[in-house]
N, C-alpha and C. Protein backbone atom coordinates (compact mmCIF):
# COMPACT_ATOMS: atom_id res chain seq x y z
N UNK A 1 109.13 -64.72 90.19
CA UNK A 1 108.21 -65.43 89.36
C UNK A 1 107.96 -66.79 90.00
N UNK A 2 106.75 -67.28 89.84
CA UNK A 2 106.42 -68.59 90.37
C UNK A 2 107.33 -69.65 89.76
N UNK A 3 107.41 -70.78 90.38
CA UNK A 3 108.28 -71.84 89.90
C UNK A 3 107.78 -72.40 88.57
N UNK A 4 108.69 -72.45 87.60
CA UNK A 4 108.41 -73.03 86.29
C UNK A 4 109.15 -74.34 86.15
N UNK A 5 108.62 -75.23 85.33
CA UNK A 5 109.29 -76.50 85.08
C UNK A 5 110.32 -76.32 83.99
N UNK A 6 111.49 -75.81 84.36
CA UNK A 6 112.58 -75.60 83.43
C UNK A 6 113.90 -75.72 84.19
N UNK A 7 114.92 -76.16 83.50
CA UNK A 7 116.24 -76.30 84.11
C UNK A 7 117.04 -75.02 83.94
N UNK A 8 118.08 -74.85 84.75
CA UNK A 8 118.94 -73.68 84.66
C UNK A 8 119.64 -73.64 83.31
N UNK A 9 119.65 -72.45 82.68
CA UNK A 9 120.27 -72.28 81.38
C UNK A 9 119.32 -72.54 80.22
N UNK A 10 118.14 -73.04 80.49
CA UNK A 10 117.18 -73.34 79.44
C UNK A 10 116.51 -72.06 78.94
N UNK A 11 116.17 -72.02 77.66
CA UNK A 11 115.49 -70.87 77.06
C UNK A 11 113.98 -71.09 77.12
N UNK A 12 113.24 -70.02 77.44
CA UNK A 12 111.79 -70.06 77.50
C UNK A 12 111.21 -69.00 76.57
N UNK A 13 109.99 -69.24 76.10
CA UNK A 13 109.26 -68.26 75.30
C UNK A 13 107.88 -68.07 75.92
N UNK A 14 107.56 -66.81 76.22
CA UNK A 14 106.25 -66.46 76.74
C UNK A 14 105.48 -65.81 75.61
N UNK A 15 104.35 -66.41 75.21
CA UNK A 15 103.58 -65.85 74.10
C UNK A 15 102.30 -65.16 74.55
N UNK A 16 101.97 -65.23 75.82
CA UNK A 16 100.82 -64.51 76.36
C UNK A 16 101.32 -63.18 76.94
N UNK A 17 101.42 -62.15 76.09
CA UNK A 17 101.93 -60.84 76.49
C UNK A 17 100.73 -59.91 76.69
N UNK A 18 100.66 -59.28 77.85
CA UNK A 18 99.53 -58.40 78.16
C UNK A 18 99.78 -56.96 77.74
N UNK A 19 101.02 -56.47 77.85
CA UNK A 19 101.32 -55.07 77.58
C UNK A 19 102.73 -54.95 77.04
N UNK A 20 102.91 -54.07 76.05
CA UNK A 20 104.24 -53.80 75.50
C UNK A 20 104.34 -52.31 75.20
N UNK A 21 105.53 -51.73 75.44
CA UNK A 21 105.70 -50.30 75.18
C UNK A 21 107.14 -50.02 74.78
N UNK A 22 107.32 -48.94 74.05
CA UNK A 22 108.63 -48.42 73.73
C UNK A 22 108.58 -46.90 73.92
N UNK A 23 109.55 -46.17 73.38
CA UNK A 23 109.59 -44.72 73.59
C UNK A 23 108.40 -43.99 72.95
N UNK A 24 107.84 -44.55 71.88
CA UNK A 24 106.81 -43.84 71.11
C UNK A 24 105.38 -44.23 71.45
N UNK A 25 105.13 -45.53 71.67
CA UNK A 25 103.75 -45.95 71.86
C UNK A 25 103.65 -47.08 72.87
N UNK A 26 102.43 -47.24 73.37
CA UNK A 26 102.11 -48.31 74.31
C UNK A 26 100.99 -49.14 73.72
N UNK A 27 101.15 -50.46 73.74
CA UNK A 27 100.12 -51.37 73.23
C UNK A 27 99.58 -52.21 74.38
N UNK A 28 98.27 -52.25 74.49
CA UNK A 28 97.60 -53.04 75.52
C UNK A 28 96.77 -54.10 74.83
N UNK A 29 96.93 -55.35 75.26
CA UNK A 29 96.19 -56.45 74.65
C UNK A 29 94.79 -56.59 75.23
N UNK A 30 93.93 -57.25 74.46
CA UNK A 30 92.57 -57.52 74.93
C UNK A 30 92.25 -58.99 74.76
N UNK A 31 92.59 -59.91 75.56
CA UNK A 31 93.43 -59.82 76.74
C UNK A 31 94.92 -59.92 76.42
N UNK A 32 95.31 -60.48 75.25
CA UNK A 32 96.73 -60.63 74.92
C UNK A 32 97.04 -59.91 73.61
N UNK A 33 98.32 -59.56 73.42
CA UNK A 33 98.77 -58.98 72.17
C UNK A 33 99.02 -60.10 71.17
N UNK A 34 98.51 -59.97 69.97
CA UNK A 34 98.72 -61.01 68.97
C UNK A 34 100.09 -60.82 68.33
N UNK A 35 100.83 -61.89 68.22
CA UNK A 35 102.14 -61.85 67.58
C UNK A 35 103.28 -61.41 68.49
N UNK A 36 103.02 -61.02 69.70
CA UNK A 36 104.07 -60.58 70.62
C UNK A 36 104.63 -61.78 71.38
N UNK A 37 105.96 -61.82 71.53
CA UNK A 37 106.62 -62.90 72.25
C UNK A 37 107.75 -62.32 73.08
N UNK A 38 107.99 -62.95 74.22
CA UNK A 38 109.09 -62.58 75.10
C UNK A 38 109.96 -63.81 75.29
N UNK A 39 111.25 -63.66 74.99
CA UNK A 39 112.20 -64.76 75.17
C UNK A 39 112.99 -64.51 76.44
N UNK A 40 113.21 -65.59 77.21
CA UNK A 40 113.91 -65.46 78.49
C UNK A 40 114.81 -66.67 78.70
N UNK A 41 115.77 -66.50 79.61
CA UNK A 41 116.68 -67.57 79.98
C UNK A 41 116.57 -67.80 81.48
N UNK A 42 116.50 -69.06 81.90
CA UNK A 42 116.37 -69.39 83.31
C UNK A 42 117.75 -69.25 83.97
N UNK A 43 117.81 -68.39 85.00
CA UNK A 43 119.07 -68.19 85.72
C UNK A 43 119.22 -69.19 86.86
N UNK A 44 118.15 -69.37 87.66
CA UNK A 44 118.24 -70.31 88.77
C UNK A 44 116.85 -70.69 89.27
N UNK A 45 116.81 -71.84 89.93
CA UNK A 45 115.62 -72.32 90.65
C UNK A 45 115.98 -72.24 92.13
N UNK A 46 115.15 -71.60 92.93
CA UNK A 46 115.49 -71.44 94.34
C UNK A 46 114.21 -71.35 95.17
N UNK A 47 114.43 -71.11 96.46
CA UNK A 47 113.31 -70.88 97.38
C UNK A 47 113.53 -69.54 98.05
N UNK A 48 112.45 -68.82 98.26
CA UNK A 48 112.53 -67.49 98.85
C UNK A 48 112.89 -67.59 100.33
N UNK A 49 113.15 -66.42 100.93
CA UNK A 49 113.43 -66.39 102.36
C UNK A 49 112.20 -66.81 103.13
N UNK A 50 112.43 -67.34 104.33
CA UNK A 50 111.33 -67.86 105.13
C UNK A 50 110.43 -66.71 105.62
N UNK A 51 109.12 -66.93 105.48
CA UNK A 51 108.12 -66.00 105.98
C UNK A 51 107.47 -66.66 107.19
N UNK A 52 107.47 -65.95 108.31
CA UNK A 52 106.87 -66.48 109.54
C UNK A 52 105.41 -66.06 109.60
N UNK A 53 104.52 -67.04 109.80
CA UNK A 53 103.09 -66.79 109.96
C UNK A 53 102.77 -67.09 111.41
N UNK A 54 102.40 -66.06 112.15
CA UNK A 54 102.12 -66.21 113.58
C UNK A 54 100.68 -65.80 113.85
N UNK A 55 99.88 -66.73 114.35
CA UNK A 55 98.48 -66.45 114.69
C UNK A 55 98.36 -66.46 116.21
N UNK A 56 97.70 -65.43 116.71
CA UNK A 56 97.57 -65.28 118.15
C UNK A 56 96.17 -64.80 118.50
N UNK A 57 95.56 -65.45 119.48
CA UNK A 57 94.25 -65.03 119.97
C UNK A 57 94.40 -64.68 121.45
N UNK A 58 94.13 -63.44 121.79
CA UNK A 58 94.30 -63.06 123.20
C UNK A 58 93.24 -63.71 124.09
N UNK A 59 93.56 -63.85 125.34
CA UNK A 59 92.69 -64.35 126.41
C UNK A 59 92.37 -65.83 126.29
N UNK A 60 92.78 -66.47 125.21
CA UNK A 60 92.51 -67.90 125.03
C UNK A 60 93.81 -68.69 125.14
N UNK A 61 94.92 -67.98 125.08
CA UNK A 61 96.26 -68.57 125.10
C UNK A 61 96.45 -69.49 123.88
N UNK A 62 95.96 -69.03 122.74
CA UNK A 62 96.08 -69.78 121.49
C UNK A 62 97.15 -69.15 120.62
N UNK A 63 98.17 -69.91 120.30
CA UNK A 63 99.26 -69.42 119.45
C UNK A 63 99.62 -70.49 118.44
N UNK A 64 99.81 -70.07 117.20
CA UNK A 64 100.27 -70.97 116.15
C UNK A 64 101.37 -70.28 115.37
N UNK A 65 102.48 -70.97 115.16
CA UNK A 65 103.60 -70.39 114.43
C UNK A 65 103.97 -71.35 113.30
N UNK A 66 103.94 -70.83 112.08
CA UNK A 66 104.27 -71.61 110.89
C UNK A 66 105.30 -70.84 110.08
N UNK A 67 106.12 -71.55 109.36
CA UNK A 67 107.06 -70.95 108.42
C UNK A 67 106.74 -71.42 107.01
N UNK A 68 107.04 -70.56 106.03
CA UNK A 68 106.75 -70.91 104.64
C UNK A 68 107.87 -70.38 103.75
N UNK A 69 108.35 -71.20 102.82
CA UNK A 69 109.34 -70.79 101.82
C UNK A 69 108.77 -71.09 100.44
N UNK A 70 108.52 -70.04 99.66
CA UNK A 70 107.91 -70.18 98.34
C UNK A 70 108.98 -70.50 97.31
N UNK A 71 108.83 -71.56 96.52
CA UNK A 71 109.78 -71.82 95.43
C UNK A 71 109.55 -70.84 94.29
N UNK A 72 110.63 -70.45 93.60
CA UNK A 72 110.51 -69.51 92.49
C UNK A 72 111.57 -69.81 91.43
N UNK A 73 111.35 -69.23 90.25
CA UNK A 73 112.28 -69.34 89.14
C UNK A 73 112.75 -67.93 88.78
N UNK A 74 114.05 -67.73 88.76
CA UNK A 74 114.61 -66.43 88.37
C UNK A 74 114.95 -66.48 86.89
N UNK A 75 114.36 -65.57 86.10
CA UNK A 75 114.59 -65.53 84.66
C UNK A 75 115.17 -64.19 84.25
N UNK A 76 115.91 -64.19 83.14
CA UNK A 76 116.44 -62.97 82.55
C UNK A 76 115.80 -62.81 81.17
N UNK A 77 115.17 -61.65 80.92
CA UNK A 77 114.54 -61.38 79.64
C UNK A 77 115.63 -61.06 78.64
N UNK A 78 115.68 -61.80 77.54
CA UNK A 78 116.73 -61.59 76.54
C UNK A 78 116.22 -60.84 75.30
N UNK A 79 114.93 -61.04 74.96
CA UNK A 79 114.41 -60.41 73.74
C UNK A 79 112.91 -60.23 73.86
N UNK A 80 112.43 -59.07 73.37
CA UNK A 80 111.00 -58.81 73.30
C UNK A 80 110.65 -58.53 71.85
N UNK A 81 109.83 -59.38 71.26
CA UNK A 81 109.46 -59.24 69.85
C UNK A 81 108.00 -58.84 69.75
N UNK A 82 107.73 -57.74 69.06
CA UNK A 82 106.35 -57.28 68.89
C UNK A 82 105.81 -57.61 67.53
């Protein structure tokens, strides 16, 4: 998940739920489900593994090498309320 502004151990509530399902039925929002909420707990804030971006143009001897590390937030879903 993209980086959220929350500290580790903090509780979050997501109220924009697009889809919810259980064993019997599936509900799809248009665009969101009304009254549905997802509660989560932040486990950690970190950065992903480095991705190397290498651009090369033959016959011109043009090379560019860049690295990128995307920050992310790891969350654990604790409750889904429909």
